[in-house]
Amino acid sequence: MARNYDYPAKGLLRRYYANGDFLDGQSVPLPHPAPDAATLTIATFFNIPRWVVALLALRDRLVTPLGLKTGTELDLRPPTRDEIVSATYPGIFAVHAATDDEVILGSDDKHLDFRISILRSRQDDLVALSTWVRPHNLLGRTYLTLVYPFHRLIVARCLANATGLGITKQSPASTC
């Protein structure tokens, strides 16, 4: 089960963050053997269930009249490991940065900018998915408020995919 996660001060998302921005994170135990961040990104973020695809399609229909960016089927196609490592995966979830331990995805739009971090922390023995958002206006703040409950569910579901990658160690708190 996903737990709240405090994004680290030295993480790649911090280059975007300023006071007043939204920053949210959840984590699960790291599977073993521990895959690199590119493999975790493909297995967690790009392995989404149909109900999430349906929600994204509904979102696109609702925001099209507002002139916001919408996704295509190509935006949900799993990238290759090479596209992640070389930061050449395009679209709404474009790769902005990639290291062995962290991948940053995201896009900018007129209402808000967002980035998603998929972070492998061997030190804390976890994989975390964190989201940074900078709303630009009332539309961006309203949008963030409306999607937040769905966001939390989707992130938890994406992280659940990590458990299928190997043996997951149980933390003491999760054995209660």
N, C-alpha and C. Protein backbone atom coordinates (compact mmCIF):
# COMPACT_ATOMS: atom_id res chain seq x y z
N MET A 1 0.83 -1.18 0.00
CA MET A 1 0.00 0.00 0.00
C MET A 1 0.88 1.24 0.00
N ALA A 2 0.50 2.22 -0.80
CA ALA A 2 1.28 3.45 -0.93
C ALA A 2 1.17 4.30 0.35
N ARG A 3 2.29 4.93 0.65
CA ARG A 3 2.38 5.83 1.82
C ARG A 3 2.77 7.23 1.34
N ASN A 4 2.40 8.22 2.13
CA ASN A 4 2.84 9.59 1.81
C ASN A 4 4.37 9.63 1.81
N TYR A 5 4.92 10.49 0.98
CA TYR A 5 6.37 10.57 0.82
C TYR A 5 6.79 12.03 0.78
N ASP A 6 7.79 12.38 1.56
CA ASP A 6 8.37 13.73 1.53
C ASP A 6 9.51 13.73 0.54
N TYR A 7 9.33 14.46 -0.55
CA TYR A 7 10.32 14.51 -1.61
C TYR A 7 11.64 15.09 -1.08
N PRO A 8 12.78 14.49 -1.44
CA PRO A 8 14.07 14.91 -0.88
C PRO A 8 14.53 16.29 -1.37
N ALA A 9 15.26 16.95 -0.51
CA ALA A 9 15.77 18.29 -0.83
C ALA A 9 16.71 18.29 -2.03
N LYS A 10 17.38 17.17 -2.30
CA LYS A 10 18.35 17.11 -3.41
C LYS A 10 17.80 16.43 -4.66
N GLY A 11 16.48 16.15 -4.69
CA GLY A 11 15.88 15.51 -5.85
C GLY A 11 15.80 16.45 -7.05
N LEU A 12 15.66 15.87 -8.24
CA LEU A 12 15.62 16.65 -9.48
C LEU A 12 14.43 17.60 -9.58
N LEU A 13 13.31 17.28 -8.93
CA LEU A 13 12.14 18.16 -8.97
C LEU A 13 12.40 19.50 -8.29
N ARG A 14 13.35 19.53 -7.39
CA ARG A 14 13.63 20.77 -6.64
C ARG A 14 14.10 21.90 -7.55
N ARG A 15 14.59 21.58 -8.74
CA ARG A 15 15.02 22.66 -9.65
C ARG A 15 13.83 23.47 -10.14
N TYR A 16 12.62 22.90 -10.06
CA TYR A 16 11.40 23.59 -10.50
C TYR A 16 10.68 24.27 -9.34
N TYR A 17 10.81 23.73 -8.16
CA TYR A 17 9.97 24.11 -7.03
C TYR A 17 10.28 25.51 -6.49
N ALA A 18 9.19 26.25 -6.22
CA ALA A 18 9.26 27.54 -5.53
C ALA A 18 8.14 27.57 -4.50
N ASN A 19 8.27 28.44 -3.51
CA ASN A 19 7.22 28.55 -2.48
C ASN A 19 5.87 28.77 -3.15
N GLY A 20 4.86 28.06 -2.65
CA GLY A 20 3.51 28.17 -3.18
C GLY A 20 3.17 27.11 -4.21
N ASP A 21 4.17 26.40 -4.72
CA ASP A 21 3.91 25.32 -5.69
C ASP A 21 3.36 24.11 -4.95
N PHE A 22 2.70 23.25 -5.69
CA PHE A 22 2.17 22.00 -5.17
C PHE A 22 3.24 20.93 -5.32
N LEU A 23 3.46 20.15 -4.27
CA LEU A 23 4.39 19.03 -4.32
C LEU A 23 3.81 17.91 -3.47
N ASP A 24 3.58 16.77 -4.10
CA ASP A 24 2.92 15.65 -3.46
C ASP A 24 3.68 14.38 -3.80
N GLY A 25 3.77 13.45 -2.88
CA GLY A 25 4.46 12.20 -3.17
C GLY A 25 3.89 11.03 -2.41
N GLN A 26 4.04 9.85 -3.03
CA GLN A 26 3.68 8.59 -2.41
C GLN A 26 4.79 7.59 -2.73
N SER A 27 4.93 6.59 -1.86
CA SER A 27 5.98 5.59 -2.07
C SER A 27 5.50 4.20 -1.67
N VAL A 28 6.21 3.22 -2.18
CA VAL A 28 6.03 1.81 -1.80
C VAL A 28 7.42 1.20 -1.64
N PRO A 29 7.51 0.05 -0.97
CA PRO A 29 8.81 -0.61 -0.86
C PRO A 29 9.39 -0.93 -2.23
N LEU A 30 10.68 -0.82 -2.34
CA LEU A 30 11.39 -1.10 -3.57
C LEU A 30 11.44 -2.60 -3.83
N PRO A 31 11.08 -3.03 -5.04
CA PRO A 31 11.21 -4.45 -5.35
C PRO A 31 12.69 -4.84 -5.47
N HIS A 32 12.97 -6.11 -5.24
CA HIS A 32 14.35 -6.60 -5.35
C HIS A 32 14.40 -7.81 -6.26
N PRO A 33 15.35 -7.89 -7.15
CA PRO A 33 16.44 -6.92 -7.31
C PRO A 33 15.88 -5.58 -7.79
N ALA A 34 16.49 -4.49 -7.33
CA ALA A 34 16.00 -3.14 -7.58
C ALA A 34 16.29 -2.70 -9.02
N PRO A 35 15.23 -2.51 -9.83
CA PRO A 35 15.45 -2.01 -11.19
C PRO A 35 15.87 -0.55 -11.17
N ASP A 36 16.43 -0.07 -12.27
CA ASP A 36 16.79 1.35 -12.35
C ASP A 36 15.52 2.18 -12.55
N ALA A 37 15.66 3.50 -12.49
CA ALA A 37 14.51 4.40 -12.58
C ALA A 37 13.80 4.31 -13.93
N ALA A 38 14.53 4.09 -15.01
CA ALA A 38 13.90 3.97 -16.32
C ALA A 38 12.97 2.76 -16.35
N THR A 39 13.42 1.63 -15.85
CA THR A 39 12.59 0.43 -15.80
C THR A 39 11.40 0.63 -14.88
N LEU A 40 11.61 1.27 -13.74
CA LEU A 40 10.51 1.58 -12.82
C LEU A 40 9.48 2.49 -13.48
N THR A 41 9.94 3.45 -14.26
CA THR A 41 9.03 4.37 -14.94
C THR A 41 8.12 3.63 -15.91
N ILE A 42 8.70 2.76 -16.71
CA ILE A 42 7.91 2.00 -17.68
C ILE A 42 6.92 1.08 -16.96
N ALA A 43 7.39 0.41 -15.92
CA ALA A 43 6.56 -0.57 -15.22
C ALA A 43 5.48 0.06 -14.36
N THR A 44 5.72 1.24 -13.82
CA THR A 44 4.75 1.86 -12.93
C THR A 44 3.90 2.88 -13.66
N PHE A 45 4.51 3.95 -14.11
CA PHE A 45 3.75 5.06 -14.68
C PHE A 45 3.08 4.72 -16.01
N PHE A 46 3.75 3.98 -16.86
CA PHE A 46 3.20 3.69 -18.19
C PHE A 46 2.48 2.35 -18.27
N ASN A 47 2.16 1.77 -17.14
CA ASN A 47 1.42 0.51 -17.08
C ASN A 47 0.10 0.79 -16.36
N ILE A 48 -0.70 1.69 -16.94
CA ILE A 48 -1.91 2.15 -16.27
C ILE A 48 -3.14 1.35 -16.72
N PRO A 49 -4.09 1.17 -15.81
CA PRO A 49 -5.29 0.41 -16.15
C PRO A 49 -6.24 1.19 -17.06
N ARG A 50 -7.19 0.46 -17.65
CA ARG A 50 -8.14 1.08 -18.59
C ARG A 50 -8.96 2.18 -17.95
N TRP A 51 -9.31 2.05 -16.67
CA TRP A 51 -10.13 3.09 -16.05
C TRP A 51 -9.38 4.42 -15.98
N VAL A 52 -8.06 4.38 -15.86
CA VAL A 52 -7.28 5.61 -15.86
C VAL A 52 -7.24 6.19 -17.27
N VAL A 53 -7.08 5.35 -18.28
CA VAL A 53 -7.12 5.80 -19.67
C VAL A 53 -8.47 6.45 -19.96
N ALA A 54 -9.55 5.86 -19.46
CA ALA A 54 -10.89 6.42 -19.66
C ALA A 54 -11.02 7.79 -18.97
N LEU A 55 -10.47 7.92 -17.76
CA LEU A 55 -10.50 9.22 -17.07
C LEU A 55 -9.70 10.28 -17.85
N LEU A 56 -8.56 9.89 -18.38
CA LEU A 56 -7.76 10.83 -19.17
C LEU A 56 -8.50 11.25 -20.44
N ALA A 57 -9.20 10.31 -21.08
CA ALA A 57 -9.99 10.64 -22.27
C ALA A 57 -11.12 11.60 -21.92
N LEU A 58 -11.78 11.37 -20.79
CA LEU A 58 -12.84 12.29 -20.33
C LEU A 58 -12.24 13.66 -20.04
N ARG A 59 -11.13 13.69 -19.37
CA ARG A 59 -10.44 14.96 -19.09
C ARG A 59 -10.16 15.71 -20.38
N ASP A 60 -9.66 15.00 -21.39
CA ASP A 60 -9.34 15.65 -22.66
C ASP A 60 -10.58 16.25 -23.32
N ARG A 61 -11.71 15.52 -23.28
CA ARG A 61 -12.95 16.05 -23.86
C ARG A 61 -13.43 17.29 -23.11
N LEU A 62 -13.27 17.30 -21.79
CA LEU A 62 -13.75 18.42 -20.99
C LEU A 62 -12.88 19.67 -21.15
N VAL A 63 -11.57 19.51 -21.33
CA VAL A 63 -10.68 20.68 -21.38
C VAL A 63 -10.42 21.19 -22.79
N THR A 64 -10.80 20.43 -23.81
CA THR A 64 -10.58 20.89 -25.19
C THR A 64 -11.20 22.26 -25.45
N PRO A 65 -12.45 22.51 -25.02
CA PRO A 65 -13.02 23.85 -25.26
C PRO A 65 -12.28 24.98 -24.54
N LEU A 66 -11.51 24.63 -23.52
CA LEU A 66 -10.74 25.64 -22.78
C LEU A 66 -9.38 25.92 -23.42
N GLY A 67 -9.05 25.18 -24.47
CA GLY A 67 -7.80 25.39 -25.18
C GLY A 67 -6.58 24.78 -24.48
N LEU A 68 -6.80 23.84 -23.57
CA LEU A 68 -5.69 23.21 -22.87
C LEU A 68 -5.13 22.06 -23.71
N LYS A 69 -3.89 21.72 -23.45
CA LYS A 69 -3.26 20.60 -24.15
C LYS A 69 -4.01 19.32 -23.82
N THR A 70 -4.13 18.48 -24.82
CA THR A 70 -4.73 17.16 -24.60
C THR A 70 -3.74 16.11 -25.08
N GLY A 71 -3.94 14.91 -24.57
CA GLY A 71 -3.05 13.82 -24.93
C GLY A 71 -3.56 13.05 -26.13
N THR A 72 -2.72 12.18 -26.60
CA THR A 72 -3.08 11.26 -27.67
C THR A 72 -2.72 9.86 -27.20
N GLU A 73 -3.09 8.88 -27.98
CA GLU A 73 -2.70 7.50 -27.62
C GLU A 73 -1.18 7.37 -27.55
N LEU A 74 -0.48 8.15 -28.36
CA LEU A 74 0.98 8.11 -28.34
C LEU A 74 1.54 8.59 -27.00
N ASP A 75 0.80 9.49 -26.32
CA ASP A 75 1.27 9.99 -25.03
C ASP A 75 1.22 8.93 -23.94
N LEU A 76 0.45 7.88 -24.16
CA LEU A 76 0.33 6.82 -23.17
C LEU A 76 1.08 5.55 -23.57
N ARG A 77 1.68 5.58 -24.74
CA ARG A 77 2.45 4.43 -25.17
C ARG A 77 3.70 4.34 -24.30
N PRO A 78 4.00 3.14 -23.81
CA PRO A 78 5.21 3.02 -23.00
C PRO A 78 6.45 3.39 -23.80
N PRO A 79 7.28 4.24 -23.24
CA PRO A 79 8.53 4.58 -23.93
C PRO A 79 9.49 3.41 -23.88
N THR A 80 10.44 3.44 -24.76
CA THR A 80 11.53 2.47 -24.65
C THR A 80 12.49 2.96 -23.58
N ARG A 81 13.30 2.06 -23.09
CA ARG A 81 14.31 2.44 -22.11
C ARG A 81 15.24 3.49 -22.71
N ASP A 82 15.60 3.34 -24.00
CA ASP A 82 16.47 4.32 -24.66
C ASP A 82 15.83 5.70 -24.73
N GLU A 83 14.51 5.77 -24.98
CA GLU A 83 13.82 7.07 -25.02
C GLU A 83 13.85 7.76 -23.66
N ILE A 84 13.82 6.97 -22.60
CA ILE A 84 13.89 7.56 -21.27
C ILE A 84 15.30 8.03 -20.98
N VAL A 85 16.26 7.15 -21.15
CA VAL A 85 17.66 7.46 -20.81
C VAL A 85 18.17 8.66 -21.63
N SER A 86 17.77 8.75 -22.89
CA SER A 86 18.21 9.86 -23.74
C SER A 86 17.29 11.08 -23.65
N ALA A 87 16.23 10.99 -22.82
CA ALA A 87 15.26 12.08 -22.64
C ALA A 87 14.68 12.55 -23.97
N THR A 88 14.30 11.58 -24.81
CA THR A 88 13.72 11.91 -26.12
C THR A 88 12.25 11.51 -26.23
N TYR A 89 11.66 10.96 -25.18
CA TYR A 89 10.24 10.59 -25.23
C TYR A 89 9.43 11.88 -25.23
N PRO A 90 8.55 12.09 -26.25
CA PRO A 90 7.83 13.35 -26.39
C PRO A 90 6.42 13.31 -25.78
N GLY A 91 5.71 14.42 -25.91
CA GLY A 91 4.29 14.48 -25.58
C GLY A 91 4.00 15.06 -24.22
N ILE A 92 2.79 14.83 -23.78
CA ILE A 92 2.32 15.37 -22.50
C ILE A 92 3.19 14.87 -21.34
N PHE A 93 3.66 13.65 -21.44
CA PHE A 93 4.51 13.08 -20.40
C PHE A 93 5.96 12.97 -20.89
N ALA A 94 6.42 14.01 -21.54
CA ALA A 94 7.78 14.03 -22.08
C ALA A 94 8.81 13.85 -20.98
N VAL A 95 9.90 13.16 -21.32
CA VAL A 95 11.00 12.99 -20.37
C VAL A 95 11.84 14.26 -20.37
N HIS A 96 12.01 14.85 -19.18
CA HIS A 96 12.82 16.06 -19.02
C HIS A 96 14.21 15.76 -18.48
N ALA A 97 14.33 14.68 -17.72
CA ALA A 97 15.64 14.31 -17.16
C ALA A 97 15.58 12.84 -16.76
N ALA A 98 16.75 12.20 -16.81
CA ALA A 98 16.81 10.79 -16.41
C ALA A 98 18.20 10.47 -15.86
N THR A 99 18.20 9.86 -14.70
CA THR A 99 19.42 9.31 -14.11
C THR A 99 19.11 7.86 -13.74
N ASP A 100 20.09 7.14 -13.23
CA ASP A 100 19.83 5.77 -12.80
C ASP A 100 18.78 5.70 -11.70
N ASP A 101 18.67 6.78 -10.91
CA ASP A 101 17.78 6.77 -9.76
C ASP A 101 16.52 7.60 -9.89
N GLU A 102 16.41 8.43 -10.94
CA GLU A 102 15.22 9.28 -11.05
C GLU A 102 14.93 9.65 -12.49
N VAL A 103 13.64 9.66 -12.82
CA VAL A 103 13.17 10.11 -14.12
C VAL A 103 12.14 11.21 -13.88
N ILE A 104 12.24 12.29 -14.67
CA ILE A 104 11.30 13.40 -14.58
C ILE A 104 10.51 13.47 -15.89
N LEU A 105 9.19 13.42 -15.77
CA LEU A 105 8.27 13.54 -16.90
C LEU A 105 7.46 14.82 -16.72
N GLY A 106 6.86 15.32 -17.80
CA GLY A 106 5.94 16.43 -17.61
C GLY A 106 5.77 17.32 -18.82
N SER A 107 5.04 18.40 -18.58
CA SER A 107 4.65 19.30 -19.66
C SER A 107 4.29 20.66 -19.07
N ASP A 108 4.30 21.67 -19.92
CA ASP A 108 3.87 23.02 -19.55
C ASP A 108 2.64 23.37 -20.38
N ASP A 109 1.72 24.12 -19.77
CA ASP A 109 0.51 24.55 -20.46
C ASP A 109 0.16 25.93 -19.94
N LYS A 110 -0.87 26.53 -20.53
CA LYS A 110 -1.22 27.90 -20.14
C LYS A 110 -1.81 27.98 -18.73
N HIS A 111 -2.43 26.89 -18.24
CA HIS A 111 -3.05 26.93 -16.92
C HIS A 111 -2.12 26.46 -15.81
N LEU A 112 -1.18 25.54 -16.15
CA LEU A 112 -0.22 25.06 -15.15
C LEU A 112 0.92 24.31 -15.83
N ASP A 113 2.01 24.18 -15.10
CA ASP A 113 3.13 23.33 -15.50
C ASP A 113 3.18 22.19 -14.49
N PHE A 114 3.56 20.99 -14.95
CA PHE A 114 3.69 19.88 -14.02
C PHE A 114 4.88 19.02 -14.38
N ARG A 115 5.41 18.37 -13.37
CA ARG A 115 6.46 17.38 -13.53
C ARG A 115 6.15 16.21 -12.60
N ILE A 116 6.52 15.03 -13.04
CA ILE A 116 6.34 13.81 -12.26
C ILE A 116 7.70 13.17 -12.09
N SER A 117 8.02 12.81 -10.88
CA SER A 117 9.29 12.13 -10.57
C SER A 117 9.00 10.68 -10.22
N ILE A 118 9.74 9.79 -10.85
CA ILE A 118 9.76 8.40 -10.45
C ILE A 118 11.17 8.19 -9.88
N LEU A 119 11.24 7.99 -8.58
CA LEU A 119 12.51 7.98 -7.85
C LEU A 119 12.76 6.62 -7.21
N ARG A 120 13.94 6.09 -7.47
CA ARG A 120 14.39 4.86 -6.81
C ARG A 120 15.33 5.29 -5.69
N SER A 121 14.96 4.98 -4.47
CA SER A 121 15.82 5.29 -3.33
C SER A 121 16.30 3.98 -2.72
N ARG A 122 17.52 3.62 -3.05
CA ARG A 122 18.09 2.40 -2.46
C ARG A 122 18.37 2.62 -0.98
N GLN A 123 18.74 3.84 -0.61
CA GLN A 123 19.02 4.15 0.79
C GLN A 123 17.77 3.93 1.66
N ASP A 124 16.60 4.39 1.18
CA ASP A 124 15.35 4.24 1.94
C ASP A 124 14.58 2.98 1.55
N ASP A 125 15.11 2.23 0.57
CA ASP A 125 14.51 0.98 0.09
C ASP A 125 13.07 1.20 -0.38
N LEU A 126 12.88 2.22 -1.25
CA LEU A 126 11.55 2.52 -1.75
C LEU A 126 11.60 3.08 -3.15
N VAL A 127 10.43 3.04 -3.80
CA VAL A 127 10.22 3.74 -5.06
C VAL A 127 9.11 4.75 -4.78
N ALA A 128 9.35 5.99 -5.22
CA ALA A 128 8.38 7.06 -4.96
C ALA A 128 7.95 7.70 -6.27
N LEU A 129 6.70 8.08 -6.30
CA LEU A 129 6.17 8.85 -7.42
C LEU A 129 5.71 10.18 -6.82
N SER A 130 6.35 11.27 -7.25
CA SER A 130 6.04 12.59 -6.73
C SER A 130 5.63 13.51 -7.87
N THR A 131 4.74 14.44 -7.56
CA THR A 131 4.22 15.36 -8.56
C THR A 131 4.41 16.79 -8.10
N TRP A 132 4.98 17.61 -8.98
CA TRP A 132 5.12 19.04 -8.77
C TRP A 132 4.19 19.75 -9.74
N VAL A 133 3.46 20.75 -9.25
CA VAL A 133 2.57 21.53 -10.11
C VAL A 133 2.71 23.00 -9.76
N ARG A 134 2.80 23.83 -10.81
CA ARG A 134 2.77 25.28 -10.64
C ARG A 134 1.58 25.82 -11.43
N PRO A 135 0.48 26.12 -10.73
CA PRO A 135 -0.66 26.74 -11.41
C PRO A 135 -0.30 28.18 -11.82
N HIS A 136 -0.80 28.59 -12.99
CA HIS A 136 -0.51 29.94 -13.49
C HIS A 136 -1.65 30.92 -13.26
N ASN A 137 -2.84 30.39 -12.99
CA ASN A 137 -4.01 31.27 -12.92
C ASN A 137 -5.14 30.54 -12.19
N LEU A 138 -6.31 31.17 -12.15
CA LEU A 138 -7.46 30.59 -11.47
C LEU A 138 -7.84 29.25 -12.10
N LEU A 139 -7.77 29.15 -13.42
CA LEU A 139 -8.08 27.89 -14.09
C LEU A 139 -7.14 26.78 -13.62
N GLY A 140 -5.88 27.07 -13.50
CA GLY A 140 -4.90 26.08 -13.03
C GLY A 140 -5.16 25.65 -11.61
N ARG A 141 -5.47 26.60 -10.73
CA ARG A 141 -5.75 26.26 -9.33
C ARG A 141 -7.05 25.45 -9.21
N THR A 142 -8.05 25.82 -9.99
CA THR A 142 -9.32 25.09 -9.99
C THR A 142 -9.12 23.67 -10.53
N TYR A 143 -8.38 23.56 -11.62
CA TYR A 143 -8.09 22.27 -12.22
C TYR A 143 -7.40 21.36 -11.21
N LEU A 144 -6.38 21.88 -10.54
CA LEU A 144 -5.64 21.09 -9.55
C LEU A 144 -6.57 20.61 -8.43
N THR A 145 -7.43 21.47 -7.95
CA THR A 145 -8.37 21.11 -6.89
C THR A 145 -9.31 19.99 -7.35
N LEU A 146 -9.78 20.07 -8.60
CA LEU A 146 -10.73 19.07 -9.10
C LEU A 146 -10.08 17.71 -9.37
N VAL A 147 -8.84 17.70 -9.83
CA VAL A 147 -8.21 16.42 -10.19
C VAL A 147 -7.47 15.78 -9.01
N TYR A 148 -7.23 16.51 -7.94
CA TYR A 148 -6.41 15.99 -6.85
C TYR A 148 -6.90 14.64 -6.30
N PRO A 149 -8.19 14.46 -6.00
CA PRO A 149 -8.61 13.15 -5.48
C PRO A 149 -8.32 12.01 -6.47
N PHE A 150 -8.50 12.24 -7.75
CA PHE A 150 -8.20 11.22 -8.76
C PHE A 150 -6.70 11.00 -8.85
N HIS A 151 -5.95 12.09 -8.75
CA HIS A 151 -4.49 12.03 -8.79
C HIS A 151 -3.95 11.06 -7.74
N ARG A 152 -4.42 11.19 -6.51
CA ARG A 152 -3.95 10.33 -5.42
C ARG A 152 -4.23 8.85 -5.71
N LEU A 153 -5.41 8.56 -6.24
CA LEU A 153 -5.77 7.17 -6.58
C LEU A 153 -4.90 6.63 -7.71
N ILE A 154 -4.68 7.46 -8.71
CA ILE A 154 -3.89 7.03 -9.87
C ILE A 154 -2.44 6.77 -9.47
N VAL A 155 -1.87 7.66 -8.67
CA VAL A 155 -0.48 7.47 -8.21
C VAL A 155 -0.36 6.18 -7.41
N ALA A 156 -1.29 5.95 -6.49
CA ALA A 156 -1.24 4.72 -5.70
C ALA A 156 -1.35 3.49 -6.61
N ARG A 157 -2.20 3.57 -7.62
CA ARG A 157 -2.36 2.43 -8.56
C ARG A 157 -1.09 2.21 -9.37
N CYS A 158 -0.47 3.29 -9.82
CA CYS A 158 0.79 3.16 -10.57
C CYS A 158 1.86 2.51 -9.70
N LEU A 159 1.96 2.93 -8.46
CA LEU A 159 2.97 2.37 -7.57
C LEU A 159 2.69 0.90 -7.25
N ALA A 160 1.44 0.50 -7.26
CA ALA A 160 1.11 -0.90 -7.02
C ALA A 160 1.76 -1.80 -8.07
N ASN A 161 2.01 -1.25 -9.27
CA ASN A 161 2.66 -2.02 -10.32
C ASN A 161 4.09 -2.43 -9.94
N ALA A 162 4.72 -1.68 -9.05
CA ALA A 162 6.10 -1.98 -8.65
C ALA A 162 6.20 -3.31 -7.93
N THR A 163 5.14 -3.72 -7.26
CA THR A 163 5.20 -4.97 -6.50
C THR A 163 5.34 -6.18 -7.41
N GLY A 164 4.95 -6.05 -8.67
CA GLY A 164 5.07 -7.17 -9.59
C GLY A 164 6.45 -7.33 -10.20
N LEU A 165 7.37 -6.47 -9.84
CA LEU A 165 8.70 -6.48 -10.45
C LEU A 165 9.69 -7.39 -9.75
N GLY A 166 9.36 -7.87 -8.59
CA GLY A 166 10.30 -8.72 -7.85
C GLY A 166 9.80 -8.93 -6.45
N ILE A 167 10.69 -9.32 -5.60
CA ILE A 167 10.35 -9.53 -4.20
C ILE A 167 10.37 -8.18 -3.51
N THR A 168 9.28 -7.84 -2.82
CA THR A 168 9.20 -6.58 -2.12
C THR A 168 9.39 -6.83 -0.63
N LYS A 169 10.37 -6.13 -0.05
CA LYS A 169 10.60 -6.25 1.39
C LYS A 169 9.51 -5.50 2.12
N GLN A 170 9.06 -6.02 3.23
CA GLN A 170 8.04 -5.37 4.03
C GLN A 170 8.72 -4.50 5.07
N SER A 171 8.28 -3.22 5.15
CA SER A 171 8.82 -2.37 6.20
C SER A 171 8.12 -2.73 7.50
N PRO A 172 8.73 -2.46 8.66
CA PRO A 172 8.12 -2.82 9.93
C PRO A 172 6.72 -2.22 10.08
N ALA A 173 6.49 -1.01 9.62
CA ALA A 173 5.19 -0.36 9.77
C ALA A 173 4.12 -1.05 8.91
N SER A 174 4.53 -1.69 7.83
CA SER A 174 3.54 -2.29 6.94
C SER A 174 3.15 -3.70 7.36
N THR A 175 3.74 -4.21 8.42
CA THR A 175 3.40 -5.56 8.87
C THR A 175 2.38 -5.54 10.00
N CYS A 176 1.87 -4.37 10.34
CA CYS A 176 0.88 -4.26 11.43
C CYS A 176 -0.43 -4.91 11.05
